[in-house]
Amino acid sequence: MKTVKVSLNSIDKVKTFTNDISRFAFDFDLVSGRYVIDAKSLMGIFSLDLSKAIDLNIHAGEEDLDEVMEVLKPYIVEQ
């Protein structure tokens, strides 16, 4: 598992984010405080405070991480 901080501060960004990660078979979780939601769920994402960066847990094998990180580049704010 790898964790990165992502910014999803607009409706369009949330839509493209969920479309981008839905291509992958493994799980992604967004963590905000004590809340953990499925990052592929639009409804779940909109239940979070999107005004600040959110932790994204990527449950992928090492062999898939390069491709995932390339797709996530537009959303990552810190590493």
Protein backbone atom coordinates (compact mmCIF):
# COMPACT_ATOMS: atom_id res chain seq x y z
CA MET A 1 0.00 0.00 0.00
CA LYS A 2 1.12 3.52 -0.79
CA THR A 3 -0.34 6.77 0.57
CA VAL A 4 -0.29 10.14 -1.21
CA LYS A 5 -2.07 13.46 -0.62
CA VAL A 6 -4.51 14.52 -3.31
CA SER A 7 -6.53 17.66 -3.95
CA LEU A 8 -10.09 17.24 -5.25
CA ASN A 9 -11.29 20.81 -4.91
CA SER A 10 -13.76 20.98 -7.82
CA ILE A 11 -16.64 18.92 -9.16
CA ASP A 12 -14.87 18.35 -12.49
CA LYS A 13 -11.72 17.19 -10.71
CA VAL A 14 -13.73 14.68 -8.65
CA LYS A 15 -15.43 13.31 -11.79
CA THR A 16 -12.18 12.86 -13.72
CA PHE A 17 -10.46 11.41 -10.64
CA THR A 18 -13.10 8.70 -10.18
CA ASN A 19 -13.08 7.92 -13.92
CA ASP A 20 -9.27 7.65 -13.91
CA ILE A 21 -8.99 5.31 -10.93
CA SER A 22 -12.00 3.18 -11.90
CA ARG A 23 -9.86 1.68 -14.69
CA PHE A 24 -7.85 -0.20 -12.06
CA ALA A 25 -9.05 -3.44 -10.43
CA PHE A 26 -7.54 -2.79 -6.99
CA ASP A 27 -8.90 -0.63 -4.16
CA PHE A 28 -8.35 3.04 -3.40
CA ASP A 29 -9.42 4.63 -0.09
CA LEU A 30 -9.71 8.32 0.77
CA VAL A 31 -8.97 9.11 4.41
CA SER A 32 -10.10 12.35 6.02
CA GLY A 33 -9.78 12.37 9.79
CA ARG A 34 -11.61 9.29 11.06
CA TYR A 35 -13.54 8.79 7.83
CA VAL A 36 -12.40 6.22 5.26
CA ILE A 37 -14.37 6.01 2.03
CA ASP A 38 -14.06 4.16 -1.27
CA ALA A 39 -12.28 6.57 -3.65
CA LYS A 40 -14.27 5.18 -6.58
CA SER A 41 -17.52 6.41 -5.02
CA LEU A 42 -18.70 9.86 -6.14
CA MET A 43 -21.22 10.05 -3.30
CA GLY A 44 -18.57 9.10 -0.78
CA ILE A 45 -16.11 11.71 -2.03
CA PHE A 46 -18.70 14.48 -1.85
CA SER A 47 -19.33 13.58 1.82
CA LEU A 48 -15.76 14.70 2.65
CA ASP A 49 -14.33 18.18 3.23
CA LEU A 50 -12.79 18.82 -0.18
CA SER A 51 -11.34 22.23 0.71
CA LYS A 52 -8.09 20.63 1.88
CA ALA A 53 -5.82 17.81 0.73
CA ILE A 54 -6.96 14.26 1.48
CA ASP A 55 -4.90 11.10 1.99
CA LEU A 56 -5.33 8.50 -0.74
CA ASN A 57 -4.39 4.91 0.14
CA ILE A 58 -3.51 2.89 -2.95
CA HIS A 59 -3.85 -0.88 -2.45
CA ALA A 60 -1.75 -1.95 -5.43
CA GLY A 61 1.23 -4.17 -5.94
CA GLU A 62 4.67 -2.67 -6.61
CA GLU A 63 4.43 -3.64 -10.28
CA ASP A 64 1.32 -1.46 -10.77
CA LEU A 65 2.39 1.61 -8.79
CA ASP A 66 4.26 3.35 -11.62
CA GLU A 67 1.20 3.33 -13.87
CA VAL A 68 -1.09 4.46 -11.03
CA MET A 69 1.22 7.29 -10.00
CA GLU A 70 1.34 8.52 -13.61
CA VAL A 71 -2.48 8.64 -13.74
CA LEU A 72 -2.66 10.41 -10.36
CA LYS A 73 -0.11 13.16 -11.17
CA PRO A 74 -2.74 15.89 -11.79
CA TYR A 75 -4.28 15.30 -8.34
CA ILE A 76 -1.21 14.81 -6.11
CA VAL A 77 -0.22 17.82 -4.01
CA GLU A 78 2.55 16.35 -1.81
CA GLN A 79 4.74 13.27 -1.71
